[in-house]
Amino acid sequence: MEEARLTAYQQEASDREEVRQACEQPFDLPEIALLKSKIPPLTRPPSIDQLSDRTAPSTRQKAAVKALDSLLEHCRIKQGWLENRYSSATYPAYVASSERTRTLLSQLGNGTITFGQYNTGRQEIMSLYEQEGTELEQQVAMVREQWAARDAERRASEAAWAEWAERRPICKRERGKLWCRADRLAPWQRDVSMQWRH
């Protein structure tokens, strides 16, 4: 059991590392190099300098941002898979976060926002993702508690039914009278009978 848990932990760590690399590799490509000091990979928070950068992207930087959006597609797919596999409750929050980030990147590529606004927006998106993820996890926990309560209620009902089934009244009409008896059967005694009474 412990070995299986360790293997699962190692697999998750390996998957997370592979996704991190997929999200950071585009920033090592020559066509994206001029953005490296301006925006961080999706896996890292922006620096103070990046947050306070008031410059708008140049024509070359706009082209690089648009290229980056395409290059990050593989990263987004892998991040979605990772989220769905290991944190399926928060997957909807990830999808919303990913869409918001793409919109923000598009605004940067169009030159309608500065690098600092992009980086600040990314931080806000990540904070919102964490908040929404926490809310989703709480909702899932509440649903699980409700299921557990219903399951306990069902088991109690089944136990009561079994108890009743073991102590059932049996009646028959003979000579104009209703004759009844209460069978009290232990689970291993199905043929114990009691006196008929009217």
N, C-alpha and C. Protein backbone atom coordinates (compact mmCIF):
# COMPACT_ATOMS: atom_id res chain seq x y z
N MET A 1 0.83 -1.20 0.00
CA MET A 1 0.00 0.00 0.00
C MET A 1 0.87 1.26 0.00
N GLU A 2 1.85 1.28 0.89
CA GLU A 2 2.75 2.43 0.99
C GLU A 2 3.55 2.59 -0.30
N GLU A 3 3.94 1.46 -0.87
CA GLU A 3 4.72 1.50 -2.12
C GLU A 3 3.88 2.05 -3.27
N ALA A 4 2.61 1.64 -3.31
CA ALA A 4 1.70 2.13 -4.35
C ALA A 4 1.49 3.64 -4.20
N ARG A 5 1.36 4.10 -2.95
CA ARG A 5 1.18 5.53 -2.69
C ARG A 5 2.41 6.31 -3.13
N LEU A 6 3.59 5.75 -2.85
CA LEU A 6 4.84 6.40 -3.23
C LEU A 6 4.96 6.47 -4.75
N THR A 7 4.60 5.37 -5.41
CA THR A 7 4.65 5.33 -6.88
C THR A 7 3.69 6.37 -7.47
N ALA A 8 2.49 6.48 -6.90
CA ALA A 8 1.51 7.46 -7.38
C ALA A 8 2.04 8.88 -7.18
N TYR A 9 2.67 9.12 -6.03
CA TYR A 9 3.24 10.44 -5.74
C TYR A 9 4.35 10.76 -6.75
N GLN A 10 5.21 9.77 -7.02
CA GLN A 10 6.31 9.98 -7.98
C GLN A 10 5.76 10.24 -9.38
N GLN A 11 4.69 9.53 -9.74
CA GLN A 11 4.08 9.73 -11.06
C GLN A 11 3.52 11.14 -11.18
N GLU A 12 2.84 11.59 -10.12
CA GLU A 12 2.28 12.95 -10.15
C GLU A 12 3.39 13.99 -10.26
N ALA A 13 4.47 13.80 -9.49
CA ALA A 13 5.60 14.74 -9.54
C ALA A 13 6.20 14.76 -10.94
N SER A 14 6.32 13.58 -11.55
CA SER A 14 6.87 13.48 -12.90
C SER A 14 5.95 14.19 -13.91
N ASP A 15 4.64 13.98 -13.77
CA ASP A 15 3.68 14.63 -14.67
C ASP A 15 3.75 16.15 -14.53
N ARG A 16 3.83 16.62 -13.29
CA ARG A 16 3.89 18.07 -13.05
C ARG A 16 5.17 18.68 -13.65
N GLU A 17 6.27 17.94 -13.54
CA GLU A 17 7.53 18.43 -14.11
C GLU A 17 7.45 18.49 -15.64
N GLU A 18 6.82 17.49 -16.24
CA GLU A 18 6.69 17.48 -17.70
C GLU A 18 5.84 18.66 -18.18
N VAL A 19 4.77 18.95 -17.44
CA VAL A 19 3.91 20.08 -17.79
C VAL A 19 4.66 21.40 -17.60
N ARG A 20 5.42 21.51 -16.51
CA ARG A 20 6.21 22.73 -16.27
C ARG A 20 7.16 22.98 -17.45
N GLN A 21 7.82 21.93 -17.90
CA GLN A 21 8.75 22.07 -19.02
C GLN A 21 8.02 22.48 -20.30
N ALA A 22 6.86 21.88 -20.53
CA ALA A 22 6.08 22.23 -21.74
C ALA A 22 5.66 23.70 -21.72
N CYS A 23 5.44 24.25 -20.53
CA CYS A 23 5.00 25.65 -20.41
C CYS A 23 6.17 26.63 -20.42
N GLU A 24 7.36 26.16 -20.09
CA GLU A 24 8.51 27.06 -20.05
C GLU A 24 9.36 27.01 -21.32
N GLN A 25 9.33 25.89 -22.05
CA GLN A 25 10.16 25.74 -23.24
C GLN A 25 9.94 26.81 -24.31
N PRO A 26 8.68 27.23 -24.56
CA PRO A 26 8.51 28.26 -25.59
C PRO A 26 9.32 29.53 -25.33
N PHE A 27 9.58 29.83 -24.06
CA PHE A 27 10.33 31.05 -23.73
C PHE A 27 11.82 30.93 -24.06
N ASP A 28 12.27 29.71 -24.37
CA ASP A 28 13.67 29.50 -24.76
C ASP A 28 13.87 29.60 -26.27
N LEU A 29 12.77 29.71 -27.02
CA LEU A 29 12.88 29.79 -28.48
C LEU A 29 13.31 31.19 -28.91
N PRO A 30 14.12 31.28 -29.97
CA PRO A 30 14.64 32.59 -30.41
C PRO A 30 13.54 33.62 -30.70
N GLU A 31 12.42 33.17 -31.29
CA GLU A 31 11.36 34.13 -31.65
C GLU A 31 10.62 34.70 -30.43
N ILE A 32 10.81 34.07 -29.28
CA ILE A 32 10.14 34.54 -28.06
C ILE A 32 11.13 35.21 -27.11
N ALA A 33 12.40 35.12 -27.41
CA ALA A 33 13.46 35.60 -26.51
C ALA A 33 13.26 37.06 -26.09
N LEU A 34 12.76 37.90 -27.00
CA LEU A 34 12.60 39.31 -26.65
C LEU A 34 11.47 39.57 -25.64
N LEU A 35 10.70 38.52 -25.30
CA LEU A 35 9.64 38.66 -24.29
C LEU A 35 10.09 38.15 -22.92
N LYS A 36 11.21 37.45 -22.90
CA LYS A 36 11.64 36.74 -21.69
C LYS A 36 11.76 37.65 -20.47
N SER A 37 12.25 38.86 -20.66
CA SER A 37 12.41 39.77 -19.52
C SER A 37 11.11 40.53 -19.22
N LYS A 38 10.12 40.40 -20.12
CA LYS A 38 8.88 41.17 -19.98
C LYS A 38 7.76 40.40 -19.29
N ILE A 39 7.62 39.13 -19.64
CA ILE A 39 6.56 38.31 -19.03
C ILE A 39 7.13 36.95 -18.63
N PRO A 40 6.66 36.40 -17.52
CA PRO A 40 7.18 35.10 -17.08
C PRO A 40 6.39 33.96 -17.75
N PRO A 41 6.94 32.75 -17.73
CA PRO A 41 6.16 31.59 -18.17
C PRO A 41 4.90 31.46 -17.32
N LEU A 42 3.92 30.72 -17.82
CA LEU A 42 2.65 30.56 -17.10
C LEU A 42 2.84 29.86 -15.75
N THR A 43 3.96 29.20 -15.58
CA THR A 43 4.20 28.45 -14.34
C THR A 43 4.86 29.28 -13.25
N ARG A 44 5.21 30.53 -13.56
CA ARG A 44 5.93 31.36 -12.58
C ARG A 44 5.23 32.70 -12.36
N PRO A 45 5.37 33.25 -11.17
CA PRO A 45 4.80 34.58 -10.94
C PRO A 45 5.71 35.65 -11.54
N PRO A 46 5.14 36.81 -11.87
CA PRO A 46 5.97 37.89 -12.40
C PRO A 46 6.83 38.53 -11.31
N SER A 47 7.94 39.09 -11.73
CA SER A 47 8.82 39.82 -10.79
C SER A 47 8.23 41.21 -10.54
N ILE A 48 8.78 41.92 -9.58
CA ILE A 48 8.33 43.28 -9.28
C ILE A 48 8.55 44.18 -10.50
N ASP A 49 9.69 44.03 -11.17
CA ASP A 49 9.97 44.83 -12.37
C ASP A 49 8.94 44.54 -13.46
N GLN A 50 8.57 43.28 -13.62
CA GLN A 50 7.58 42.92 -14.64
C GLN A 50 6.21 43.49 -14.30
N LEU A 51 5.87 43.50 -13.02
CA LEU A 51 4.58 44.06 -12.60
C LEU A 51 4.49 45.56 -12.82
N SER A 52 5.62 46.24 -12.68
CA SER A 52 5.62 47.71 -12.79
C SER A 52 6.01 48.21 -14.18
N ASP A 53 6.16 47.30 -15.14
CA ASP A 53 6.56 47.67 -16.51
C ASP A 53 5.41 48.40 -17.22
N ARG A 54 5.62 49.68 -17.53
CA ARG A 54 4.57 50.48 -18.16
C ARG A 54 4.71 50.57 -19.68
N THR A 55 5.63 49.81 -20.22
CA THR A 55 5.83 49.88 -21.68
C THR A 55 4.82 49.00 -22.41
N ALA A 56 4.38 49.50 -23.55
CA ALA A 56 3.52 48.72 -24.43
C ALA A 56 4.41 47.92 -25.37
N PRO A 57 3.93 46.80 -25.89
CA PRO A 57 4.77 46.00 -26.78
C PRO A 57 5.05 46.71 -28.11
N SER A 58 6.28 46.54 -28.57
CA SER A 58 6.66 47.06 -29.89
C SER A 58 6.05 46.16 -30.96
N THR A 59 6.22 46.54 -32.21
CA THR A 59 5.69 45.73 -33.32
C THR A 59 6.26 44.32 -33.28
N ARG A 60 7.58 44.23 -33.07
CA ARG A 60 8.22 42.90 -33.00
C ARG A 60 7.72 42.11 -31.79
N GLN A 61 7.53 42.80 -30.68
CA GLN A 61 7.05 42.12 -29.47
C GLN A 61 5.60 41.65 -29.64
N LYS A 62 4.79 42.44 -30.35
CA LYS A 62 3.41 42.02 -30.62
C LYS A 62 3.40 40.73 -31.43
N ALA A 63 4.27 40.67 -32.44
CA ALA A 63 4.38 39.45 -33.25
C ALA A 63 4.83 38.27 -32.40
N ALA A 64 5.76 38.54 -31.48
CA ALA A 64 6.25 37.48 -30.59
C ALA A 64 5.14 37.00 -29.65
N VAL A 65 4.31 37.92 -29.17
CA VAL A 65 3.19 37.55 -28.28
C VAL A 65 2.21 36.66 -29.03
N LYS A 66 1.92 37.02 -30.28
CA LYS A 66 0.99 36.20 -31.07
C LYS A 66 1.58 34.82 -31.34
N ALA A 67 2.88 34.76 -31.60
CA ALA A 67 3.55 33.47 -31.79
C ALA A 67 3.52 32.67 -30.49
N LEU A 68 3.71 33.36 -29.38
CA LEU A 68 3.71 32.70 -28.07
C LEU A 68 2.37 32.05 -27.79
N ASP A 69 1.29 32.73 -28.16
CA ASP A 69 -0.04 32.17 -27.93
C ASP A 69 -0.18 30.81 -28.59
N SER A 70 0.31 30.70 -29.83
CA SER A 70 0.26 29.41 -30.54
C SER A 70 1.17 28.38 -29.89
N LEU A 71 2.36 28.82 -29.50
CA LEU A 71 3.34 27.91 -28.90
C LEU A 71 2.87 27.39 -27.53
N LEU A 72 2.02 28.15 -26.86
CA LEU A 72 1.55 27.74 -25.53
C LEU A 72 0.37 26.77 -25.59
N GLU A 73 -0.12 26.48 -26.79
CA GLU A 73 -1.28 25.58 -26.91
C GLU A 73 -0.98 24.21 -26.28
N HIS A 74 0.19 23.68 -26.55
CA HIS A 74 0.58 22.38 -25.99
C HIS A 74 0.64 22.47 -24.46
N CYS A 75 1.15 23.58 -23.95
CA CYS A 75 1.21 23.81 -22.50
C CYS A 75 -0.20 23.80 -21.91
N ARG A 76 -1.13 24.53 -22.55
CA ARG A 76 -2.50 24.62 -22.02
C ARG A 76 -3.18 23.26 -22.02
N ILE A 77 -2.96 22.49 -23.08
CA ILE A 77 -3.56 21.15 -23.15
C ILE A 77 -3.03 20.28 -22.02
N LYS A 78 -1.72 20.30 -21.82
CA LYS A 78 -1.12 19.49 -20.75
C LYS A 78 -1.55 19.97 -19.37
N GLN A 79 -1.65 21.29 -19.19
CA GLN A 79 -2.10 21.82 -17.90
C GLN A 79 -3.53 21.36 -17.62
N GLY A 80 -4.38 21.40 -18.64
CA GLY A 80 -5.76 20.95 -18.49
C GLY A 80 -5.83 19.48 -18.12
N TRP A 81 -5.02 18.67 -18.80
CA TRP A 81 -4.97 17.24 -18.48
C TRP A 81 -4.53 17.02 -17.04
N LEU A 82 -3.48 17.74 -16.64
CA LEU A 82 -2.94 17.61 -15.28
C LEU A 82 -4.00 18.00 -14.24
N GLU A 83 -4.67 19.10 -14.49
CA GLU A 83 -5.70 19.58 -13.56
C GLU A 83 -6.83 18.56 -13.45
N ASN A 84 -7.27 18.07 -14.59
CA ASN A 84 -8.37 17.11 -14.61
C ASN A 84 -7.98 15.80 -13.93
N ARG A 85 -6.73 15.39 -14.09
CA ARG A 85 -6.28 14.12 -13.52
C ARG A 85 -6.09 14.19 -12.01
N TYR A 86 -5.49 15.26 -11.53
CA TYR A 86 -5.13 15.32 -10.11
C TYR A 86 -6.00 16.24 -9.27
N SER A 87 -6.75 17.12 -9.91
CA SER A 87 -7.62 18.04 -9.16
C SER A 87 -8.92 18.23 -9.92
N SER A 88 -9.59 17.13 -10.25
CA SER A 88 -10.75 17.23 -11.14
C SER A 88 -11.83 18.17 -10.61
N ALA A 89 -11.91 18.34 -9.30
CA ALA A 89 -12.91 19.26 -8.73
C ALA A 89 -12.66 20.69 -9.18
N THR A 90 -11.39 21.05 -9.36
CA THR A 90 -11.06 22.43 -9.71
C THR A 90 -10.89 22.64 -11.22
N TYR A 91 -11.14 21.60 -12.01
CA TYR A 91 -10.95 21.70 -13.46
C TYR A 91 -11.75 22.85 -14.08
N PRO A 92 -13.03 23.05 -13.71
CA PRO A 92 -13.76 24.19 -14.30
C PRO A 92 -13.08 25.54 -14.01
N ALA A 93 -12.49 25.68 -12.83
CA ALA A 93 -11.78 26.92 -12.49
C ALA A 93 -10.55 27.07 -13.38
N TYR A 94 -9.87 25.95 -13.67
CA TYR A 94 -8.71 26.00 -14.56
C TYR A 94 -9.13 26.46 -15.96
N VAL A 95 -10.22 25.89 -16.48
CA VAL A 95 -10.69 26.25 -17.83
C VAL A 95 -10.98 27.74 -17.91
N ALA A 96 -11.69 28.26 -16.91
CA ALA A 96 -12.00 29.70 -16.89
C ALA A 96 -10.72 30.53 -16.81
N SER A 97 -9.77 30.09 -16.00
CA SER A 97 -8.49 30.79 -15.85
C SER A 97 -7.72 30.80 -17.16
N SER A 98 -7.71 29.67 -17.84
CA SER A 98 -6.99 29.55 -19.11
C SER A 98 -7.59 30.49 -20.16
N GLU A 99 -8.92 30.56 -20.20
CA GLU A 99 -9.58 31.44 -21.18
C GLU A 99 -9.29 32.91 -20.86
N ARG A 100 -9.31 33.25 -19.58
CA ARG A 100 -9.01 34.64 -19.18
C ARG A 100 -7.57 35.01 -19.56
N THR A 101 -6.66 34.06 -19.35
CA THR A 101 -5.25 34.31 -19.67
C THR A 101 -5.06 34.51 -21.17
N ARG A 102 -5.75 33.71 -21.97
CA ARG A 102 -5.64 33.87 -23.43
C ARG A 102 -6.18 35.22 -23.88
N THR A 103 -7.27 35.64 -23.27
CA THR A 103 -7.84 36.96 -23.59
C THR A 103 -6.84 38.06 -23.24
N LEU A 104 -6.23 37.93 -22.09
CA LEU A 104 -5.23 38.91 -21.64
C LEU A 104 -4.03 38.94 -22.58
N LEU A 105 -3.57 37.76 -22.99
CA LEU A 105 -2.44 37.67 -23.92
C LEU A 105 -2.80 38.29 -25.27
N SER A 106 -4.05 38.09 -25.68
CA SER A 106 -4.52 38.68 -26.93
C SER A 106 -4.51 40.21 -26.85
N GLN A 107 -4.93 40.74 -25.70
CA GLN A 107 -4.90 42.20 -25.51
C GLN A 107 -3.47 42.73 -25.56
N LEU A 108 -2.54 41.97 -24.98
CA LEU A 108 -1.13 42.37 -25.04
C LEU A 108 -0.62 42.32 -26.48
N GLY A 109 -0.99 41.27 -27.20
CA GLY A 109 -0.57 41.13 -28.60
C GLY A 109 -1.14 42.22 -29.50
N ASN A 110 -2.30 42.75 -29.13
CA ASN A 110 -2.91 43.84 -29.90
C ASN A 110 -2.39 45.21 -29.46
N GLY A 111 -1.63 45.23 -28.38
CA GLY A 111 -1.07 46.49 -27.90
C GLY A 111 -2.04 47.34 -27.10
N THR A 112 -3.16 46.75 -26.67
CA THR A 112 -4.15 47.55 -25.92
C THR A 112 -3.82 47.63 -24.42
N ILE A 113 -2.88 46.82 -23.96
CA ILE A 113 -2.43 46.91 -22.56
C ILE A 113 -0.91 46.87 -22.52
N THR A 114 -0.36 47.31 -21.40
CA THR A 114 1.10 47.29 -21.22
C THR A 114 1.53 45.93 -20.68
N PHE A 115 2.84 45.72 -20.66
CA PHE A 115 3.37 44.48 -20.07
C PHE A 115 3.00 44.39 -18.58
N GLY A 116 3.09 45.52 -17.88
CA GLY A 116 2.75 45.53 -16.46
C GLY A 116 1.29 45.18 -16.23
N GLN A 117 0.41 45.71 -17.09
CA GLN A 117 -1.02 45.39 -16.96
C GLN A 117 -1.27 43.90 -17.22
N TYR A 118 -0.55 43.37 -18.20
CA TYR A 118 -0.67 41.93 -18.47
C TYR A 118 -0.25 41.13 -17.24
N ASN A 119 0.91 41.46 -16.69
CA ASN A 119 1.44 40.70 -15.54
C ASN A 119 0.55 40.84 -14.30
N THR A 120 0.04 42.05 -14.09
CA THR A 120 -0.89 42.26 -12.97
C THR A 120 -2.18 41.47 -13.20
N GLY A 121 -2.66 41.52 -14.44
CA GLY A 121 -3.86 40.75 -14.80
C GLY A 121 -3.68 39.26 -14.58
N ARG A 122 -2.50 38.76 -14.94
CA ARG A 122 -2.20 37.33 -14.73
C ARG A 122 -2.26 36.98 -13.25
N GLN A 123 -1.72 37.86 -12.40
CA GLN A 123 -1.77 37.59 -10.96
C GLN A 123 -3.21 37.58 -10.46
N GLU A 124 -4.01 38.51 -10.95
CA GLU A 124 -5.42 38.56 -10.55
C GLU A 124 -6.14 37.30 -11.01
N ILE A 125 -5.83 36.85 -12.22
CA ILE A 125 -6.44 35.62 -12.73
C ILE A 125 -6.05 34.43 -11.86
N MET A 126 -4.79 34.36 -11.46
CA MET A 126 -4.35 33.25 -10.61
C MET A 126 -5.02 33.29 -9.23
N SER A 127 -5.18 34.49 -8.68
CA SER A 127 -5.88 34.63 -7.39
C SER A 127 -7.33 34.18 -7.51
N LEU A 128 -7.97 34.58 -8.62
CA LEU A 128 -9.35 34.19 -8.86
C LEU A 128 -9.46 32.68 -9.04
N TYR A 129 -8.50 32.11 -9.77
CA TYR A 129 -8.47 30.65 -9.96
C TYR A 129 -8.39 29.94 -8.61
N GLU A 130 -7.51 30.42 -7.73
CA GLU A 130 -7.36 29.79 -6.42
C GLU A 130 -8.64 29.91 -5.60
N GLN A 131 -9.27 31.08 -5.68
CA GLN A 131 -10.53 31.30 -4.95
C GLN A 131 -11.62 30.38 -5.49
N GLU A 132 -11.78 30.36 -6.81
CA GLU A 132 -12.81 29.51 -7.43
C GLU A 132 -12.52 28.03 -7.17
N GLY A 133 -11.23 27.66 -7.24
CA GLY A 133 -10.85 26.28 -6.97
C GLY A 133 -11.21 25.87 -5.55
N THR A 134 -10.95 26.74 -4.58
CA THR A 134 -11.29 26.45 -3.19
C THR A 134 -12.80 26.29 -3.03
N GLU A 135 -13.56 27.18 -3.67
CA GLU A 135 -15.02 27.09 -3.59
C GLU A 135 -15.52 25.78 -4.20
N LEU A 136 -14.95 25.39 -5.34
CA LEU A 136 -15.35 24.13 -5.97
C LEU A 136 -15.01 22.94 -5.09
N GLU A 137 -13.82 22.96 -4.47
CA GLU A 137 -13.44 21.86 -3.58
C GLU A 137 -14.39 21.78 -2.39
N GLN A 138 -14.80 22.94 -1.86
CA GLN A 138 -15.74 22.96 -0.74
C GLN A 138 -17.10 22.40 -1.17
N GLN A 139 -17.54 22.76 -2.38
CA GLN A 139 -18.81 22.23 -2.88
C GLN A 139 -18.75 20.72 -3.04
N VAL A 140 -17.63 20.23 -3.59
CA VAL A 140 -17.47 18.78 -3.76
C VAL A 140 -17.46 18.09 -2.40
N ALA A 141 -16.76 18.68 -1.42
CA ALA A 141 -16.72 18.10 -0.07
C ALA A 141 -18.12 18.06 0.53
N MET A 142 -18.92 19.12 0.31
CA MET A 142 -20.27 19.16 0.84
C MET A 142 -21.13 18.07 0.19
N VAL A 143 -20.99 17.91 -1.13
CA VAL A 143 -21.74 16.87 -1.83
C VAL A 143 -21.34 15.49 -1.33
N ARG A 144 -20.03 15.29 -1.12
CA ARG A 144 -19.57 13.99 -0.60
C ARG A 144 -20.15 13.72 0.79
N GLU A 145 -20.21 14.77 1.62
CA GLU A 145 -20.81 14.60 2.96
C GLU A 145 -22.28 14.23 2.84
N GLN A 146 -22.99 14.88 1.90
CA GLN A 146 -24.40 14.56 1.69
C GLN A 146 -24.56 13.12 1.21
N TRP A 147 -23.69 12.70 0.29
CA TRP A 147 -23.74 11.31 -0.17
C TRP A 147 -23.48 10.35 0.97
N ALA A 148 -22.49 10.69 1.81
CA ALA A 148 -22.17 9.82 2.95
C ALA A 148 -23.36 9.74 3.90
N ALA A 149 -24.03 10.88 4.14
CA ALA A 149 -25.20 10.89 5.02
C ALA A 149 -26.33 10.06 4.41
N ARG A 150 -26.54 10.20 3.10
CA ARG A 150 -27.58 9.41 2.43
C ARG A 150 -27.24 7.92 2.46
N ASP A 151 -25.96 7.63 2.29
CA ASP A 151 -25.53 6.23 2.33
C ASP A 151 -25.76 5.65 3.72
N ALA A 152 -25.44 6.43 4.76
CA ALA A 152 -25.67 5.97 6.14
C ALA A 152 -27.16 5.78 6.38
N GLU A 153 -27.97 6.71 5.86
CA GLU A 153 -29.43 6.60 6.01
C GLU A 153 -29.95 5.36 5.28
N ARG A 154 -29.41 5.11 4.08
CA ARG A 154 -29.82 3.92 3.32
C ARG A 154 -29.46 2.65 4.07
N ARG A 155 -28.23 2.62 4.62
CA ARG A 155 -27.81 1.43 5.37
C ARG A 155 -28.67 1.22 6.61
N ALA A 156 -29.02 2.33 7.29
CA ALA A 156 -29.89 2.23 8.47
C ALA A 156 -31.27 1.72 8.07
N SER A 157 -31.76 2.22 6.92
CA SER A 157 -33.07 1.78 6.43
C SER A 157 -33.04 0.30 6.07
N GLU A 158 -31.95 -0.14 5.42
CA GLU A 158 -31.81 -1.56 5.08
C GLU A 158 -31.73 -2.42 6.33
N ALA A 159 -31.03 -1.92 7.35
CA ALA A 159 -30.93 -2.66 8.61
C ALA A 159 -32.30 -2.76 9.27
N ALA A 160 -33.06 -1.64 9.24
CA ALA A 160 -34.40 -1.65 9.83
C ALA A 160 -35.31 -2.61 9.05
N TRP A 161 -35.17 -2.59 7.73
CA TRP A 161 -35.96 -3.51 6.90
C TRP A 161 -35.61 -4.95 7.22
N ALA A 162 -34.33 -5.22 7.36
CA ALA A 162 -33.89 -6.58 7.70
C ALA A 162 -34.45 -6.99 9.05
N GLU A 163 -34.45 -6.05 10.00
CA GLU A 163 -35.00 -6.31 11.33
C GLU A 163 -36.49 -6.62 11.23
N TRP A 164 -37.18 -5.79 10.44
CA TRP A 164 -38.62 -6.01 10.26
C TRP A 164 -38.88 -7.34 9.57
N ALA A 165 -38.06 -7.65 8.58
CA ALA A 165 -38.23 -8.91 7.85
C ALA A 165 -38.04 -10.10 8.78
N GLU A 166 -37.22 -9.93 9.80
CA GLU A 166 -37.00 -11.01 10.77
C GLU A 166 -38.14 -11.08 11.79
N ARG A 167 -38.91 -10.02 11.91
CA ARG A 167 -40.00 -9.99 12.90
C ARG A 167 -41.30 -9.61 12.19
N ARG A 168 -41.71 -10.42 11.28
CA ARG A 168 -42.90 -10.07 10.51
C ARG A 168 -44.13 -10.82 11.03
N PRO A 169 -45.26 -10.16 11.06
CA PRO A 169 -46.49 -10.86 11.44
C PRO A 169 -47.03 -11.64 10.24
N ILE A 170 -47.52 -12.80 10.52
CA ILE A 170 -48.13 -13.62 9.47
C ILE A 170 -49.55 -13.95 9.94
N CYS A 171 -50.52 -13.68 9.10
CA CYS A 171 -51.91 -13.93 9.47
C CYS A 171 -52.57 -14.81 8.42
N LYS A 172 -53.56 -15.61 8.88
CA LYS A 172 -54.38 -16.40 7.94
C LYS A 172 -55.79 -16.50 8.52
N ARG A 173 -56.76 -16.62 7.65
CA ARG A 173 -58.14 -16.70 8.08
C ARG A 173 -58.56 -18.17 8.08
N GLU A 174 -59.04 -18.61 9.25
CA GLU A 174 -59.53 -19.98 9.40
C GLU A 174 -60.79 -19.96 10.24
N ARG A 175 -61.79 -20.69 9.80
CA ARG A 175 -63.06 -20.81 10.53
C ARG A 175 -63.62 -19.43 10.91
N GLY A 176 -63.52 -18.49 9.98
CA GLY A 176 -64.10 -17.17 10.19
C GLY A 176 -63.30 -16.23 11.07
N LYS A 177 -62.17 -16.66 11.53
CA LYS A 177 -61.34 -15.81 12.39
C LYS A 177 -59.98 -15.58 11.73
N LEU A 178 -59.39 -14.48 12.11
CA LEU A 178 -58.05 -14.15 11.63
C LEU A 178 -57.06 -14.65 12.68
N TRP A 179 -56.23 -15.58 12.27
CA TRP A 179 -55.22 -16.14 13.17
C TRP A 179 -53.86 -15.56 12.79
N CYS A 180 -53.15 -15.05 13.80
CA CYS A 180 -51.86 -14.39 13.51
C CYS A 180 -50.77 -14.92 14.42
N ARG A 181 -49.60 -14.80 13.94
CA ARG A 181 -48.42 -15.09 14.75
C ARG A 181 -47.32 -14.11 14.35
N ALA A 182 -46.42 -13.87 15.26
CA ALA A 182 -45.26 -13.01 14.96
C ALA A 182 -44.05 -13.91 14.87
N ASP A 183 -43.48 -13.95 13.70
CA ASP A 183 -42.24 -14.73 13.53
C ASP A 183 -41.08 -13.86 13.95
N ARG A 184 -40.25 -14.38 14.82
CA ARG A 184 -39.04 -13.68 15.22
C ARG A 184 -37.88 -14.59 14.85
N LEU A 185 -37.37 -14.36 13.69
CA LEU A 185 -36.35 -15.26 13.15
C LEU A 185 -34.98 -14.63 13.22
N ALA A 186 -34.05 -15.38 13.77
CA ALA A 186 -32.65 -14.98 13.67
C ALA A 186 -32.24 -15.22 12.22
N PRO A 187 -31.24 -14.50 11.72
CA PRO A 187 -30.84 -14.68 10.32
C PRO A 187 -30.54 -16.14 9.97
N TRP A 188 -30.08 -16.93 10.93
CA TRP A 188 -29.75 -18.32 10.62
C TRP A 188 -30.90 -19.28 10.94
N GLN A 189 -32.05 -18.72 11.43
CA GLN A 189 -33.20 -19.56 11.78
C GLN A 189 -34.41 -19.08 11.02
N ARG A 190 -34.69 -19.70 9.91
CA ARG A 190 -35.82 -19.27 9.10
C ARG A 190 -37.08 -20.10 9.38
N ASP A 191 -37.00 -21.16 10.18
CA ASP A 191 -38.14 -22.05 10.37
C ASP A 191 -38.72 -22.02 11.78
N VAL A 192 -38.33 -21.02 12.58
CA VAL A 192 -38.86 -20.92 13.93
C VAL A 192 -40.27 -20.36 13.85
N SER A 193 -41.24 -21.06 14.39
CA SER A 193 -42.62 -20.57 14.36
C SER A 193 -43.13 -20.39 15.78
N MET A 194 -44.11 -19.53 15.91
CA MET A 194 -44.71 -19.30 17.22
C MET A 194 -46.19 -19.69 17.13
N GLN A 195 -46.83 -19.74 18.27
CA GLN A 195 -48.23 -20.14 18.32
C GLN A 195 -49.11 -19.19 17.53
N TRP A 196 -50.09 -19.78 16.91
CA TRP A 196 -51.09 -18.95 16.23
C TRP A 196 -52.03 -18.39 17.28
N ARG A 197 -52.35 -17.09 17.17
CA ARG A 197 -53.26 -16.45 18.12
C ARG A 197 -54.36 -15.73 17.34
N HIS A 198 -55.52 -15.64 18.00
CA HIS A 198 -56.60 -14.87 17.37
C HIS A 198 -57.03 -13.72 18.25
